Amino acid sequence: VSIPPFFFEAFLYAPIDDTNSTAKIGNGIIFFTLYKKEAAMWDSLTLADVNKEKLQYLRENAVRKAHEKAKEETEAKKVTKQEHKKYALEATMKLEEAERKRIEDLKEKERQKVTEELELWKKQQKDAEKQERSLHREAELHQEVEQLKEKKMEKMNQTRIPNEGTSKTKPTKGHGSCSMFSENLKEEQLPAPRSAATIKINFTSRVFPTALRESRIEEEEEWLRKQAEARRTISADLSELEDLKEEEKNPDWLKDKGNKMFATGNYLAAVNAYNLAVRLNNKLPLLYLNRAACHLKLRNLHKAVEDSSKALELLTPPVPDNENARVKAYVRRGTAFCQLELYAEGLQDYEAALKIDPTNKTIEKDAEKIEHDI
């Protein structure tokens, strides 16, 4: 174990189980937990009366085994990472295929609906044409009947007064009567003039700045619904908080209070404010995000990872309104991973943040540094 400027080395009496044995360092103390490979009583903890050549051989052998073990673990991590990437790619392809099939089904349903409407319209047009032809035929028959009546009247008049020119006037009268009937029939068939009106157009208000044609409406509405629900949700037992002032029961007021304490460097007080706000409402992602920043300052790295992950869980679905918060969550969790020496996980979070905000040079520089360290 090397803790500059100190170095501790021990040659144990017999082999131990490297996998289960541990060594914890903290507060200037090293605590070993060792398990023997074989259950037997040792004469002493370390080897005694061993020459330098033997010690040198044991040391080199131990270093070589450590390097081989580290190499095997690195290879195993690479294989696991490749498997995870492959699984993620397959899952993405399946989701895309399902989405494509859903869109095709919607298109097919819409096509069938339009086809049915078109067929119905054609049928209505045919019925209207049939009705119009029927009316026209009735009008023609009525006109023929009138003409026959007029001719009969002419013949009767010619029989009574043979010397008068009724034969000339009667056809004219009959022709005029037929013309008047046709004009009346045409006037009855004409539809009434359409009435004028004013159409009022209202534009739908937009919460997000993007154009409606470029927005993902379902995801944006789901995000707004979650935020509204989070503002209304009170998850704490208010009977335990009866001694608090009215403003101290407001999560937004507590969040602002925690932000002010964080700005002054009082991180513990800020954590307490965020803790109480989370008790009152555990659906606001900014509470977990700000508390993660406090835990980073206090070196509570595991808690920082938990709060950042919880914030990312609540920051769904991903919409333009929560891009900045998601970038902060990825960066803070990635920073905590790196300080825990989990560089691969940290690099993954920094790459996710850079994917959301490609123009952020600070994140890009930090990602390159982590990749270089790995």
Protein backbone atom coordinates (compact mmCIF):
# COMPACT_ATOMS: atom_id res chain seq x y z
CA VAL A 1 0.00 0.00 0.00
CA SER A 2 1.41 3.40 -1.02
CA ILE A 3 0.26 6.56 0.76
CA PRO A 4 2.88 9.22 0.02
CA PRO A 5 5.19 9.79 1.75
CA PHE A 6 4.61 6.34 3.38
CA PHE A 7 4.92 2.88 1.85
CA PHE A 8 3.72 -0.33 3.50
CA GLU A 9 4.80 -3.80 2.38
CA ALA A 10 4.29 -7.22 3.98
CA PHE A 11 5.25 -10.72 2.79
CA LEU A 12 2.57 -12.97 4.28
CA TYR A 13 3.34 -16.41 5.63
CA ALA A 14 1.01 -18.20 3.17
CA PRO A 15 -1.22 -17.31 0.15
CA ILE A 16 -4.54 -15.50 0.66
CA ASP A 17 -7.76 -15.17 -1.36
CA ASP A 18 -7.18 -11.97 -3.40
CA THR A 19 -10.77 -11.81 -4.61
CA ASN A 20 -12.45 -11.60 -1.20
CA SER A 21 -9.65 -9.83 0.72
CA THR A 22 -9.92 -6.03 1.02
CA ALA A 23 -7.89 -3.02 2.19
CA LYS A 24 -9.70 0.19 3.17
CA ILE A 25 -7.90 3.52 3.61
CA GLY A 26 -9.38 6.49 5.43
CA ASN A 27 -8.61 9.04 8.13
CA GLY A 28 -4.94 8.01 8.23
CA ILE A 29 -5.81 4.34 8.96
CA ILE A 30 -5.46 1.20 6.79
CA PHE A 31 -7.83 -1.62 7.63
CA PHE A 32 -7.12 -5.04 6.13
CA THR A 33 -9.58 -7.93 5.85
CA LEU A 34 -7.70 -11.05 4.66
CA TYR A 35 -8.98 -14.55 3.95
CA LYS A 36 -6.63 -17.57 3.82
CA LYS A 37 -6.69 -19.78 0.78
CA GLU A 38 -6.29 -22.84 3.01
CA ALA A 39 -7.70 -23.10 6.52
CA ALA A 40 -4.57 -23.66 8.62
CA MET A 41 -2.76 -22.12 11.54
CA TRP A 42 0.19 -19.89 10.55
CA ASP A 43 3.40 -19.82 12.60
CA SER A 44 3.58 -16.06 12.06
CA LEU A 45 1.88 -13.32 10.02
CA THR A 46 4.86 -12.68 7.73
CA LEU A 47 7.78 -14.70 6.45
CA ALA A 48 10.85 -14.76 8.63
CA ASP A 49 14.55 -15.33 7.79
CA VAL A 50 14.11 -14.81 4.06
CA ASN A 51 16.99 -13.48 1.98
CA LYS A 52 16.74 -10.46 -0.31
CA GLU A 53 16.70 -12.51 -3.52
CA LYS A 54 13.65 -14.45 -2.30
CA LEU A 55 11.88 -11.23 -1.29
CA GLN A 56 12.70 -9.65 -4.65
CA TYR A 57 11.28 -12.70 -6.45
CA LEU A 58 8.09 -12.62 -4.38
CA ARG A 59 7.68 -8.89 -4.97
CA GLU A 60 8.13 -9.14 -8.73
CA ASN A 61 5.81 -12.14 -8.89
CA ALA A 62 3.12 -10.24 -6.94
CA VAL A 63 3.45 -7.16 -9.20
CA ARG A 64 3.25 -9.33 -12.30
CA LYS A 65 0.10 -11.07 -11.05
CA ALA A 66 -1.47 -7.72 -10.17
CA HIS A 67 -0.78 -6.43 -13.69
CA GLU A 68 -2.23 -9.58 -15.24
CA LYS A 69 -5.32 -9.33 -13.05
CA ALA A 70 -5.82 -5.66 -13.96
CA LYS A 71 -5.42 -6.51 -17.63
CA GLU A 72 -8.00 -9.30 -17.38
CA GLU A 73 -10.44 -6.98 -15.62
CA THR A 74 -9.92 -4.34 -18.32
CA GLU A 75 -10.57 -6.89 -21.05
CA ALA A 76 -13.66 -8.13 -19.23
CA LYS A 77 -14.93 -4.55 -18.96
CA LYS A 78 -14.36 -4.03 -22.67
CA VAL A 79 -16.28 -7.19 -23.51
CA THR A 80 -19.12 -6.17 -21.18
CA LYS A 81 -19.20 -2.70 -22.70
CA GLN A 82 -19.38 -4.14 -26.20
CA GLU A 83 -22.23 -6.44 -25.14
CA HIS A 84 -24.09 -3.49 -23.60
CA LYS A 85 -23.63 -1.46 -26.79
CA LYS A 86 -24.84 -4.37 -28.89
CA TYR A 87 -27.89 -4.82 -26.66
CA ALA A 88 -28.65 -1.08 -26.78
CA LEU A 89 -28.36 -1.10 -30.58
CA GLU A 90 -30.70 -4.09 -30.87
CA ALA A 91 -33.19 -2.47 -28.50
CA THR A 92 -33.06 0.78 -30.50
CA MET A 93 -33.61 -1.11 -33.76
CA LYS A 94 -36.60 -2.91 -32.26
CA LEU A 95 -38.08 0.38 -31.06
CA GLU A 96 -37.57 1.98 -34.45
CA GLU A 97 -39.15 -1.02 -36.19
CA ALA A 98 -42.16 -0.86 -33.83
CA GLU A 99 -42.49 2.89 -34.43
CA ARG A 100 -42.25 2.40 -38.21
CA LYS A 101 -44.94 -0.29 -38.09
CA ARG A 102 -47.17 1.94 -35.97
CA ILE A 103 -46.81 4.80 -38.46
CA GLU A 104 -47.55 2.47 -41.38
CA ASP A 105 -50.67 1.19 -39.61
CA LEU A 106 -51.83 4.74 -39.02
CA LYS A 107 -51.25 5.57 -42.68
CA GLU A 108 -53.18 2.48 -43.76
CA LYS A 109 -56.10 3.35 -41.47
CA GLU A 110 -56.14 6.92 -42.78
CA ARG A 111 -56.04 5.66 -46.39
CA GLN A 112 -58.96 3.32 -45.74
CA LYS A 113 -60.90 6.12 -44.08
CA VAL A 114 -60.34 8.47 -47.05
CA THR A 115 -61.29 5.71 -49.50
CA GLU A 116 -64.54 5.06 -47.64
CA GLU A 117 -65.37 8.77 -47.58
CA LEU A 118 -64.65 9.04 -51.32
CA GLU A 119 -66.90 6.07 -52.10
CA LEU A 120 -69.68 7.56 -49.97
CA TRP A 121 -69.33 10.90 -51.77
CA LYS A 122 -69.52 9.17 -55.18
CA LYS A 123 -72.63 7.33 -54.10
CA GLN A 124 -74.25 10.57 -52.93
CA GLN A 125 -73.38 12.24 -56.25
CA LYS A 126 -74.97 9.37 -58.19
CA ASP A 127 -78.14 9.56 -56.08
CA ALA A 128 -78.31 13.32 -56.63
CA GLU A 129 -77.91 12.87 -60.41
CA LYS A 130 -80.65 10.23 -60.46
CA GLN A 131 -82.98 12.52 -58.52
CA GLU A 132 -82.21 15.43 -60.85
CA ARG A 133 -82.91 13.31 -63.96
CA SER A 134 -86.17 12.13 -62.41
CA LEU A 135 -87.27 15.71 -61.76
CA HIS A 136 -86.29 16.76 -65.28
CA ARG A 137 -88.28 13.86 -66.76
CA GLU A 138 -91.36 14.81 -64.71
CA ALA A 139 -91.06 18.39 -65.95
CA GLU A 140 -90.90 17.23 -69.56
CA LEU A 141 -93.96 15.02 -69.09
CA HIS A 142 -95.85 17.89 -67.50
CA GLN A 143 -94.90 20.14 -70.41
CA GLU A 144 -96.08 17.57 -72.95
CA VAL A 145 -99.44 17.25 -71.14
CA GLU A 146 -99.89 21.04 -71.24
CA GLN A 147 -99.09 21.12 -74.94
CA LEU A 148 -101.67 18.39 -75.63
CA LYS A 149 -104.30 20.36 -73.68
CA GLU A 150 -103.50 23.47 -75.69
CA LYS A 151 -103.82 21.60 -79.00
CA LYS A 152 -107.17 20.13 -77.95
CA MET A 153 -108.42 23.61 -77.05
CA GLU A 154 -107.32 24.91 -80.45
CA LYS A 155 -109.23 22.17 -82.26
CA MET A 156 -112.37 22.90 -80.22
CA ASN A 157 -112.14 26.61 -81.02
CA GLN A 158 -111.62 25.93 -84.73
CA THR A 159 -114.76 23.77 -84.73
CA ARG A 160 -116.87 26.55 -83.12
CA ILE A 161 -115.55 29.54 -85.06
CA PRO A 162 -114.04 28.36 -88.34
CA ASN A 163 -113.63 31.86 -89.88
CA GLU A 164 -111.70 33.47 -86.97
CA GLY A 165 -107.93 33.36 -86.75
CA THR A 166 -107.91 31.48 -83.53
CA SER A 167 -105.67 28.89 -85.07
CA LYS A 168 -102.97 31.56 -85.14
CA THR A 169 -103.51 32.88 -81.66
CA LYS A 170 -103.97 29.55 -79.90
CA PRO A 171 -100.50 28.16 -80.76
CA THR A 172 -99.01 31.47 -79.65
CA LYS A 173 -100.97 31.25 -76.40
CA GLY A 174 -99.97 27.64 -75.95
CA HIS A 175 -96.34 28.47 -76.67
CA GLY A 176 -96.43 31.35 -74.20
CA SER A 177 -97.97 29.17 -71.50
CA CYS A 178 -95.30 26.53 -72.03
CA SER A 179 -92.57 29.19 -71.78
CA MET A 180 -93.99 30.57 -68.52
CA PHE A 181 -94.15 27.09 -67.03
CA SER A 182 -90.50 26.44 -67.95
CA GLU A 183 -89.44 29.77 -66.42
CA ASN A 184 -91.35 29.01 -63.20
CA LEU A 185 -89.84 25.54 -63.08
CA LYS A 186 -86.35 26.98 -63.47
CA GLU A 187 -87.01 29.54 -60.75
CA GLU A 188 -88.16 26.79 -58.37
CA GLN A 189 -85.06 24.66 -59.05
CA LEU A 190 -82.56 27.47 -58.34
CA PRO A 191 -81.19 27.36 -54.74
CA ALA A 192 -81.40 30.36 -52.46
CA PRO A 193 -78.33 32.65 -52.24
CA ARG A 194 -75.85 31.72 -49.54
CA SER A 195 -75.68 34.00 -46.53
CA ALA A 196 -72.42 35.81 -45.79
CA ALA A 197 -70.56 35.24 -42.50
CA THR A 198 -67.28 36.11 -40.77
CA ILE A 199 -64.91 33.32 -39.66
CA LYS A 200 -62.88 34.08 -36.54
CA ILE A 201 -59.44 32.45 -36.40
CA ASN A 202 -57.77 31.75 -33.05
CA PHE A 203 -54.13 30.67 -32.75
CA THR A 204 -53.23 28.04 -30.14
CA SER A 205 -50.92 29.42 -27.46
CA ARG A 206 -47.51 27.72 -27.29
CA VAL A 207 -45.58 27.14 -24.06
CA PHE A 208 -42.41 26.01 -25.84
CA PRO A 209 -40.57 28.43 -28.18
CA THR A 210 -40.29 25.96 -31.05
CA ALA A 211 -42.72 26.01 -33.97
CA LEU A 212 -45.70 23.66 -33.73
CA ARG A 213 -44.66 21.73 -36.86
CA GLU A 214 -41.20 21.08 -35.32
CA SER A 215 -42.39 20.21 -31.81
CA ARG A 216 -42.96 16.79 -30.27
CA ILE A 217 -46.40 17.62 -28.92
CA GLU A 218 -47.02 14.43 -26.93
CA GLU A 219 -43.65 14.59 -25.12
CA GLU A 220 -43.99 18.33 -24.40
CA GLU A 221 -47.51 17.93 -23.03
CA GLU A 222 -46.38 15.02 -20.88
CA TRP A 223 -43.50 17.14 -19.47
CA LEU A 224 -45.85 20.06 -18.69
CA ARG A 225 -48.33 17.67 -17.06
CA LYS A 226 -45.60 16.17 -14.87
CA GLN A 227 -44.38 19.62 -13.82
CA ALA A 228 -47.89 20.76 -12.96
CA GLU A 229 -48.53 17.55 -11.02
CA ALA A 230 -45.21 17.95 -9.20
CA ARG A 231 -46.21 21.49 -8.14
CA ARG A 232 -49.45 20.16 -6.66
CA THR A 233 -48.02 17.04 -4.98
CA ILE A 234 -47.32 17.16 -1.23
CA SER A 235 -45.77 13.86 -0.13
CA ALA A 236 -44.69 14.79 3.43
CA ASP A 237 -46.69 14.15 6.56
CA LEU A 238 -47.72 17.71 7.43
CA SER A 239 -48.64 16.67 10.96
CA GLU A 240 -44.88 16.44 11.66
CA LEU A 241 -44.29 19.94 10.28
CA GLU A 242 -46.89 21.92 12.23
CA ASP A 243 -44.20 24.05 13.91
CA LEU A 244 -42.90 25.38 10.58
CA LYS A 245 -43.84 28.77 9.24
CA GLU A 246 -46.19 28.99 6.28
CA GLU A 247 -43.44 29.88 3.80
CA GLU A 248 -41.26 27.03 5.14
CA LYS A 249 -43.93 24.58 3.91
CA ASN A 250 -43.45 25.76 0.33
CA PRO A 251 -40.91 23.61 -1.64
CA ASP A 252 -40.13 26.49 -4.03
CA TRP A 253 -39.31 28.81 -1.12
CA LEU A 254 -37.07 26.14 0.42
CA LYS A 255 -35.33 25.61 -2.95
CA ASP A 256 -34.56 29.34 -3.24
CA LYS A 257 -33.32 29.32 0.37
CA GLY A 258 -31.02 26.38 -0.37
CA ASN A 259 -29.70 28.16 -3.49
CA LYS A 260 -28.78 31.23 -1.41
CA MET A 261 -27.01 29.08 1.21
CA PHE A 262 -25.11 27.24 -1.54
CA ALA A 263 -23.98 30.57 -3.00
CA THR A 264 -22.56 31.60 0.39
CA GLY A 265 -20.70 28.27 0.80
CA ASN A 266 -22.93 26.89 3.58
CA TYR A 267 -23.41 23.51 1.92
CA LEU A 268 -24.72 21.63 4.96
CA ALA A 269 -27.49 24.17 5.51
CA ALA A 270 -28.34 24.02 1.82
CA VAL A 271 -28.61 20.20 2.01
CA ASN A 272 -30.98 20.52 4.98
CA ALA A 273 -33.17 22.96 3.05
CA TYR A 274 -33.30 20.65 0.02
CA ASN A 275 -34.02 17.65 2.28
CA LEU A 276 -37.07 19.36 3.75
CA ALA A 277 -38.23 20.45 0.29
CA VAL A 278 -37.94 16.84 -0.96
CA ARG A 279 -40.02 15.66 2.00
CA LEU A 280 -42.71 18.15 1.02
CA ASN A 281 -42.56 17.33 -2.72
CA ASN A 282 -40.47 14.48 -4.11
CA LYS A 283 -41.42 15.07 -7.75
CA LEU A 284 -39.37 18.22 -8.47
CA PRO A 285 -36.13 17.29 -10.34
CA LEU A 286 -34.36 20.59 -9.51
CA LEU A 287 -34.37 19.71 -5.79
CA TYR A 288 -32.34 16.53 -6.44
CA LEU A 289 -30.14 18.32 -8.97
CA ASN A 290 -29.20 21.13 -6.54
CA ARG A 291 -28.70 18.70 -3.66
CA ALA A 292 -26.31 16.68 -5.85
CA ALA A 293 -24.20 19.84 -6.28
CA CYS A 294 -24.03 20.22 -2.49
CA HIS A 295 -23.00 16.58 -2.03
CA LEU A 296 -20.20 17.09 -4.57
CA LYS A 297 -18.88 19.99 -2.53
CA LEU A 298 -19.14 17.91 0.66
CA ARG A 299 -17.47 14.88 -1.02
CA ASN A 300 -20.56 12.73 -0.49
CA LEU A 301 -19.97 11.16 -3.90
CA HIS A 302 -22.36 8.21 -3.69
CA LYS A 303 -25.21 10.51 -2.64
CA ALA A 304 -24.32 12.86 -5.50
CA VAL A 305 -24.66 9.95 -7.93
CA GLU A 306 -28.03 8.95 -6.42
CA ASP A 307 -29.47 12.48 -6.56
CA SER A 308 -28.26 13.06 -10.14
CA SER A 309 -29.77 9.75 -11.25
CA LYS A 310 -33.08 10.62 -9.56
CA ALA A 311 -33.10 14.02 -11.28
CA LEU A 312 -32.53 12.35 -14.68
CA GLU A 313 -35.35 9.94 -13.92
CA LEU A 314 -37.74 12.85 -13.29
CA LEU A 315 -36.48 14.87 -16.29
CA THR A 316 -38.51 12.78 -18.73
CA PRO A 317 -39.52 12.99 -21.46
CA PRO A 318 -36.50 14.86 -22.93
CA VAL A 319 -37.80 18.16 -24.33
CA PRO A 320 -36.10 21.52 -25.10
CA ASP A 321 -37.41 23.00 -21.85
CA ASN A 322 -35.33 20.62 -19.66
CA GLU A 323 -32.15 20.37 -21.78
CA ASN A 324 -30.11 22.59 -19.44
CA ALA A 325 -31.15 20.58 -16.37
CA ARG A 326 -30.31 17.26 -18.06
CA VAL A 327 -26.84 18.55 -19.03
CA LYS A 328 -26.17 19.56 -15.40
CA ALA A 329 -27.37 16.18 -14.11
CA TYR A 330 -25.08 14.25 -16.47
CA VAL A 331 -22.07 16.48 -15.67
CA ARG A 332 -22.55 16.23 -11.89
CA ARG A 333 -23.00 12.48 -11.96
CA GLY A 334 -20.03 12.11 -14.29
CA THR A 335 -17.89 14.23 -11.94
CA ALA A 336 -18.89 12.06 -8.98
CA PHE A 337 -18.04 8.89 -10.94
CA CYS A 338 -14.61 10.26 -11.86
CA GLN A 339 -13.86 11.19 -8.24
CA LEU A 340 -14.84 7.63 -7.33
CA GLU A 341 -12.30 6.51 -9.98
CA LEU A 342 -15.09 5.06 -12.14
CA TYR A 343 -13.76 6.79 -15.22
CA ALA A 344 -15.64 4.74 -17.84
CA GLU A 345 -19.01 5.62 -16.28
CA GLY A 346 -17.94 9.24 -15.90
CA LEU A 347 -16.90 9.48 -19.55
CA GLN A 348 -20.25 8.00 -20.60
CA ASP A 349 -22.15 10.72 -18.69
CA TYR A 350 -19.96 13.49 -20.12
CA GLU A 351 -20.56 12.18 -23.64
CA ALA A 352 -24.31 12.16 -22.98
CA ALA A 353 -24.14 15.81 -21.81
CA LEU A 354 -22.05 16.74 -24.87
CA LYS A 355 -24.61 15.09 -27.14
CA ILE A 356 -27.33 17.37 -25.71
CA ASP A 357 -25.12 20.51 -25.84
CA PRO A 358 -22.47 19.99 -28.58
CA THR A 359 -21.32 23.64 -28.41
CA ASN A 360 -20.18 23.44 -24.77
CA LYS A 361 -16.39 23.56 -24.99
CA THR A 362 -15.92 23.08 -21.23
CA ILE A 363 -17.71 19.71 -21.26
CA GLU A 364 -15.80 18.67 -24.39
CA LYS A 365 -12.48 19.55 -22.75
CA ASP A 366 -13.35 17.62 -19.56
CA ALA A 367 -14.43 14.59 -21.62
CA GLU A 368 -11.14 14.59 -23.50
CA LYS A 369 -9.23 14.77 -20.20
CA ILE A 370 -11.17 11.80 -18.76
CA GLU A 371 -10.61 9.81 -21.96
CA HIS A 372 -6.90 10.60 -21.75
CA ASP A 373 -6.79 9.43 -18.11
CA ILE A 374 -8.50 6.17 -19.03
